[in-house]
C-alpha atoms as a PDB file:
ATOM      1  CA  MET A   1       0.000   0.000   0.000  1.00  0.00           C
ATOM      2  CA  LYS A   2       2.883   2.361   0.777  1.00  0.00           C
ATOM      3  CA  LYS A   3       4.270   1.802  -2.737  1.00  0.00           C
ATOM      4  CA  PHE A   4       0.869   2.627  -4.223  1.00  0.00           C
ATOM      5  CA  LEU A   5       0.576   5.857  -2.213  1.00  0.00           C
ATOM      6  CA  ALA A   6       4.105   6.880  -3.240  1.00  0.00           C
ATOM      7  CA  PHE A   7       3.199   6.136  -6.857  1.00  0.00           C
ATOM      8  CA  LEU A   8      -0.033   8.087  -6.505  1.00  0.00           C
ATOM      9  CA  VAL A   9       1.784  11.167  -5.168  1.00  0.00           C
ATOM     10  CA  LEU A  10       4.387  10.957  -7.948  1.00  0.00           C
ATOM     11  CA  PHE A  11       1.721  10.297 -10.588  1.00  0.00           C
ATOM     12  CA  THR A  12      -0.435  13.223  -9.405  1.00  0.00           C
ATOM     13  CA  ALA A  13       2.548  15.575  -9.449  1.00  0.00           C
ATOM     14  CA  THR A  14       3.621  14.573 -12.974  1.00  0.00           C
ATOM     15  CA  CYS A  15       0.261  14.003 -14.680  1.00  0.00           C
ATOM     16  CA  SER A  16      -0.131  16.401 -17.603  1.00  0.00           C
ATOM     17  CA  VAL A  17      -3.932  16.079 -17.810  1.00  0.00           C
ATOM     18  CA  PRO A  18      -6.460  16.804 -15.084  1.00  0.00           C
ATOM     19  CA  VAL A  19      -6.069  14.151 -12.383  1.00  0.00           C
ATOM     20  CA  ALA A  20      -9.766  13.257 -12.458  1.00  0.00           C
ATOM     21  CA  THR A  21      -9.381  11.789 -15.960  1.00  0.00           C
ATOM     22  CA  CYS A  22      -6.295   9.627 -15.246  1.00  0.00           C
ATOM     23  CA  SER A  23      -6.849   5.890 -15.022  1.00  0.00           C
ATOM     24  CA  VAL A  24      -4.146   3.418 -13.983  1.00  0.00           C
ATOM     25  CA  PRO A  25      -4.510  -0.379 -13.992  1.00  0.00           C
ATOM     26  CA  VAL A  26      -4.139  -1.718 -10.456  1.00  0.00           C
ATOM     27  CA  ALA A  27      -1.444  -4.215 -11.480  1.00  0.00           C
ATOM     28  CA  LEU A  28       0.697  -1.368 -12.858  1.00  0.00           C
ATOM     29  CA  ALA A  29       0.068   0.900  -9.883  1.00  0.00           C
ATOM     30  CA  THR A  30       0.810  -1.617  -7.153  1.00  0.00           C
ATOM     31  CA  GLY A  31       3.132  -4.072  -8.861  1.00  0.00           C
ATOM     32  CA  GLU A  32       1.215  -6.889  -7.167  1.00  0.00           C
ATOM     33  CA  LYS A  33       0.137 -10.168  -8.711  1.00  0.00           C
ATOM     34  CA  THR A  34      -3.492 -11.046  -9.235  1.00  0.00           C
ATOM     35  CA  PRO A  35      -5.072 -11.742  -5.848  1.00  0.00           C
ATOM     36  CA  GLU A  36      -6.233 -15.227  -5.008  1.00  0.00           C
ATOM     37  CA  PHE A  37      -9.919 -15.294  -4.113  1.00  0.00           C
ATOM     38  CA  HIS A  38     -12.856 -17.596  -3.443  1.00  0.00           C
ATOM     39  CA  MET A  39     -16.381 -16.353  -4.106  1.00  0.00           C
ATOM     40  CA  LYS A  40     -19.704 -17.935  -3.134  1.00  0.00           C
ATOM     41  CA  LEU A  41     -22.711 -17.606  -5.438  1.00  0.00           C
ATOM     42  CA  THR A  42     -26.065 -18.334  -3.774  1.00  0.00           C
ATOM     43  CA  VAL A  43     -28.535 -20.211  -5.973  1.00  0.00           C
ATOM     44  CA  LYS A  44     -32.309 -20.540  -5.531  1.00  0.00           C
ATOM     45  CA  GLY A  45     -34.598 -22.792  -7.572  1.00  0.00           C
ATOM     46  CA  CYS A  46     -32.000 -25.429  -8.552  1.00  0.00           C
ATOM     47  CA  GLN A  47     -30.561 -28.671  -7.190  1.00  0.00           C
ATOM     48  CA  VAL A  48     -27.687 -26.958  -5.348  1.00  0.00           C
ATOM     49  CA  GLY A  49     -27.932 -23.940  -3.071  1.00  0.00           C
ATOM     50  CA  GLU A  50     -24.582 -22.447  -4.008  1.00  0.00           C
ATOM     51  CA  LEU A  51     -21.718 -22.450  -6.495  1.00  0.00           C
ATOM     52  CA  HIS A  52     -18.115 -21.429  -5.824  1.00  0.00           C
ATOM     53  CA  ILE A  53     -15.611 -19.762  -8.146  1.00  0.00           C
ATOM     54  CA  GLY A  54     -12.131 -18.464  -7.494  1.00  0.00           C
ATOM     55  CA  CYS A  55      -8.516 -18.038  -8.494  1.00  0.00           C
ATOM     56  CA  LYS A  56      -5.551 -19.716  -6.837  1.00  0.00           C
ATOM     57  CA  ALA A  57      -1.882 -20.145  -7.717  1.00  0.00           C
ATOM     58  CA  GLY A  58      -1.261 -23.597  -9.162  1.00  0.00           C
ATOM     59  CA  ALA A  59      -4.852 -24.144 -10.315  1.00  0.00           C
ATOM     60  CA  THR A  60      -5.632 -24.810 -13.987  1.00  0.00           C
ATOM     61  CA  VAL A  61      -8.579 -24.010 -16.248  1.00  0.00           C
ATOM     62  CA  GLY A  62      -9.357 -27.743 -16.381  1.00  0.00           C
ATOM     63  CA  TYR A  63     -10.444 -30.068 -13.577  1.00  0.00           C
ATOM     64  CA  ASP A  64      -8.149 -29.954 -10.534  1.00  0.00           C
ATOM     65  CA  LYS A  65      -8.644 -32.814  -8.064  1.00  0.00           C
ATOM     66  CA  GLY A  66      -8.876 -31.423  -4.545  1.00  0.00           C
ATOM     67  CA  GLN A  67      -9.972 -27.951  -5.699  1.00  0.00           C
ATOM     68  CA  ASP A  68     -12.768 -28.433  -8.215  1.00  0.00           C
ATOM     69  CA  ILE A  69     -15.898 -30.310  -7.127  1.00  0.00           C
ATOM     70  CA  TYR A  70     -18.511 -31.940  -9.362  1.00  0.00           C
ATOM     71  CA  VAL A  71     -22.227 -31.191  -8.857  1.00  0.00           C
ATOM     72  CA  PRO A  72     -24.073 -34.143  -7.279  1.00  0.00           C
ATOM     73  CA  PRO A  73     -26.648 -35.859  -9.521  1.00  0.00           C
ATOM     74  CA  ALA A  74     -29.891 -33.902  -9.909  1.00  0.00           C
ATOM     75  CA  ALA A  75     -33.203 -35.056  -8.503  1.00  0.00           C
ATOM     76  CA  ILE A  76     -35.915 -36.081 -10.952  1.00  0.00           C
ATOM     77  CA  GLN A  77     -37.679 -32.724 -10.581  1.00  0.00           C
ATOM     78  CA  GLY A  78     -36.197 -29.277 -10.213  1.00  0.00           C
ATOM     79  CA  GLY A  79     -33.774 -27.104 -12.087  1.00  0.00           C
ATOM     80  CA  THR A  80     -30.094 -27.825 -12.539  1.00  0.00           C
ATOM     81  CA  ILE A  81     -27.128 -25.501 -12.472  1.00  0.00           C
ATOM     82  CA  GLY A  82     -23.392 -26.032 -12.713  1.00  0.00           C
ATOM     83  CA  LEU A  83     -20.075 -24.577 -13.815  1.00  0.00           C
ATOM     84  CA  LEU A  84     -18.765 -25.943 -17.115  1.00  0.00           C
ATOM     85  CA  ILE A  85     -15.174 -26.484 -18.206  1.00  0.00           C
ATOM     86  CA  GLU A  86     -13.954 -27.254 -21.716  1.00  0.00           C
ATOM     87  CA  GLY A  87     -13.762 -30.936 -22.539  1.00  0.00           C
ATOM     88  CA  ASP A  88     -15.806 -32.137 -19.553  1.00  0.00           C
ATOM     89  CA  PRO A  89     -19.554 -32.729 -19.920  1.00  0.00           C
ATOM     90  CA  LEU A  90     -20.134 -32.929 -16.149  1.00  0.00           C
ATOM     91  CA  PRO A  91     -20.950 -29.660 -14.354  1.00  0.00           C
ATOM     92  CA  LEU A  92     -18.974 -28.444 -11.357  1.00  0.00           C
ATOM     93  CA  TYR A  93     -20.155 -27.096  -8.002  1.00  0.00           C
ATOM     94  CA  GLN A  94     -16.792 -25.397  -7.448  1.00  0.00           C
ATOM     95  CA  ASN A  95     -14.289 -24.262 -10.093  1.00  0.00           C
ATOM     96  CA  ILE A  96     -10.969 -22.705  -9.086  1.00  0.00           C
ATOM     97  CA  ARG A  97      -8.887 -21.182 -11.881  1.00  0.00           C
ATOM     98  CA  PRO A  98      -5.262 -19.944 -12.145  1.00  0.00           C
ATOM     99  CA  ALA A  99      -4.468 -16.658 -10.371  1.00  0.00           C
ATOM    100  CA  GLU A 100      -4.240 -14.865 -13.722  1.00  0.00           C
ATOM    101  CA  LEU A 101      -6.803 -12.456 -15.110  1.00  0.00           C
ATOM    102  CA  PRO A 102      -8.992 -12.317 -17.044  1.00  0.00           C
ATOM    103  CA  GLN A 103     -10.913 -15.510 -16.214  1.00  0.00           C
ATOM    104  CA  THR A 104     -14.432 -16.397 -17.361  1.00  0.00           C
ATOM    105  CA  TRP A 105     -16.674 -18.997 -15.732  1.00  0.00           C
ATOM    106  CA  ARG A 106     -19.512 -20.524 -17.765  1.00  0.00           C
ATOM    107  CA  ILE A 107     -22.614 -21.545 -15.816  1.00  0.00           C
ATOM    108  CA  ARG A 108     -25.281 -23.752 -17.396  1.00  0.00           C
ATOM    109  CA  CYS A 109     -28.798 -23.177 -15.997  1.00  0.00           C
ATOM    110  CA  ARG A 110     -31.712 -25.500 -16.709  1.00  0.00           C
ATOM    111  CA  THR A 111     -34.735 -24.159 -14.879  1.00  0.00           C
ATOM    112  CA  GLN A 112     -38.077 -25.618 -13.905  1.00  0.00           C
ATOM    113  CA  GLY A 113     -39.707 -22.210 -13.632  1.00  0.00           C
ATOM    114  CA  ARG A 114     -37.805 -19.399 -11.950  1.00  0.00           C
ATOM    115  CA  ALA A 115     -34.294 -19.502 -10.498  1.00  0.00           C
ATOM    116  CA  SER A 116     -31.863 -16.873  -9.242  1.00  0.00           C
ATOM    117  CA  ILE A 117     -28.182 -16.452  -8.542  1.00  0.00           C
ATOM    118  CA  SER A 118     -26.873 -13.867  -6.056  1.00  0.00           C
ATOM    119  CA  TRP A 119     -23.651 -12.748  -4.371  1.00  0.00           C
ATOM    120  CA  ASP A 120     -22.475 -10.391  -1.655  1.00  0.00           C
ATOM    121  CA  LYS A 121     -21.136  -7.270  -3.424  1.00  0.00           C
ATOM    122  CA  ASP A 122     -19.245  -6.243  -0.291  1.00  0.00           C
ATOM    123  CA  LEU A 123     -17.190  -9.455  -0.340  1.00  0.00           C
ATOM    124  CA  LEU A 124     -15.880  -9.103  -3.901  1.00  0.00           C
ATOM    125  CA  PRO A 125     -12.073  -8.886  -3.757  1.00  0.00           C
ATOM    126  CA  GLU A 126     -10.394  -5.503  -4.200  1.00  0.00           C
ATOM    127  CA  GLY A 127      -8.633  -4.831  -7.490  1.00  0.00           C
ATOM    128  CA  VAL A 128     -10.785  -7.260  -9.482  1.00  0.00           C
ATOM    129  CA  ALA A 129     -13.682  -6.214 -11.722  1.00  0.00           C
ATOM    130  CA  PHE A 130     -16.553  -8.717 -12.019  1.00  0.00           C
ATOM    131  CA  THR A 131     -19.232  -8.822 -14.699  1.00  0.00           C
ATOM    132  CA  ILE A 132     -22.088 -11.248 -15.251  1.00  0.00           C
ATOM    133  CA  ARG A 133     -24.077 -11.699 -18.426  1.00  0.00           C
ATOM    134  CA  LYS A 134     -26.640 -14.056 -19.865  1.00  0.00           C
ATOM    135  CA  GLU A 135     -25.840 -15.810 -23.127  1.00  0.00           C
ATOM    136  CA  GLY A 136     -26.110 -13.217 -25.902  1.00  0.00           C
ATOM    137  CA  GLY A 137     -26.783 -10.416 -23.386  1.00  0.00           C
ATOM    138  CA  GLN A 138     -24.974  -7.368 -22.116  1.00  0.00           C
ATOM    139  CA  PRO A 139     -22.596  -7.612 -19.140  1.00  0.00           C
ATOM    140  CA  PHE A 140     -23.576  -6.150 -15.762  1.00  0.00           C
ATOM    141  CA  ASP A 141     -21.126  -4.882 -13.144  1.00  0.00           C
ATOM    142  CA  MET A 142     -21.438  -7.253 -10.177  1.00  0.00           C
ATOM    143  CA  ARG A 143     -20.481  -4.430  -7.786  1.00  0.00           C
ATOM    144  CA  LYS A 144     -23.644  -2.538  -8.836  1.00  0.00           C
ATOM    145  CA  ILE A 145     -26.146  -5.414  -8.761  1.00  0.00           C
ATOM    146  CA  ASP A 146     -26.314  -8.359  -6.370  1.00  0.00           C
ATOM    147  CA  SER A 147     -28.460 -10.936  -8.176  1.00  0.00           C
ATOM    148  CA  MET A 148     -29.757 -12.161 -11.505  1.00  0.00           C
ATOM    149  CA  THR A 149     -33.062 -13.926 -12.182  1.00  0.00           C
ATOM    150  CA  ILE A 150     -33.201 -16.832 -14.605  1.00  0.00           C
ATOM    151  CA  ILE A 151     -36.582 -17.590 -16.165  1.00  0.00           C
ATOM    152  CA  LYS A 152     -35.549 -19.893 -19.014  1.00  0.00           C
ATOM    153  CA  ASP A 153     -32.732 -22.290 -19.808  1.00  0.00           C
ATOM    154  CA  THR A 154     -29.582 -20.300 -20.495  1.00  0.00           C
ATOM    155  CA  GLU A 155     -25.897 -19.970 -19.857  1.00  0.00           C
ATOM    156  CA  LEU A 156     -24.378 -17.273 -17.670  1.00  0.00           C
ATOM    157  CA  PHE A 157     -20.838 -15.963 -17.935  1.00  0.00           C
ATOM    158  CA  ILE A 158     -18.969 -14.405 -15.014  1.00  0.00           C
ATOM    159  CA  THR A 159     -15.738 -12.630 -15.934  1.00  0.00           C
ATOM    160  CA  ALA A 160     -13.078 -11.464 -13.497  1.00  0.00           C
ATOM    161  CA  SER A 161     -10.587  -8.955 -14.887  1.00  0.00           C
ATOM    162  CA  LYS A 162      -8.072  -6.446 -13.587  1.00  0.00           C
ATOM    163  CA  GLN A 163      -9.848  -3.389 -12.283  1.00  0.00           C
ATOM    164  CA  SER A 164      -8.739   0.086 -13.301  1.00  0.00           C
ATOM    165  CA  VAL A 165      -8.377   2.691 -10.586  1.00  0.00           C
ATOM    166  CA  LYS A 166      -9.836   6.088 -11.300  1.00  0.00           C
ATOM    167  CA  ILE A 167      -7.961   8.776  -9.486  1.00  0.00           C
ATOM    168  CA  GLU A 168     -10.193  11.630  -8.430  1.00  0.00           C
ATOM    169  CA  GLU A 169      -9.351  15.175  -7.350  1.00  0.00           C
END
């Protein structure tokens, strides 16, 4: 943090445009690596009550035994939801990816009516921007909304990317 404040003072003193319009990627400002994180998504109206995504050093984009967890078989009735990875037809309950950004998680939703997915905006890790979008839809900033309703079968995409810092006067 001290390095960032020193950078901020230096940057403010040498910026040739008004400070309010300067934007610096966090990774460049702090010199830190992508943070490791684990995020819980609460699910209603499907066979599991939550999904977990995250980034961790040593993880891969494929299945990692001991980190990634498959969704248990669905009941005869009710919606299904799960995280998908390339080359594996079975959905995951938890998918941990490498601590490199950007990362995108694909969530397959098969509803029996109405379902929803939600998260705690206040627990999203600092320095990481999160968006969620339905298949073919526009992305929404997950720091500005805290849930999404699913009324038909679809796929959702959650993307974590490096967040830019806007320096204000």
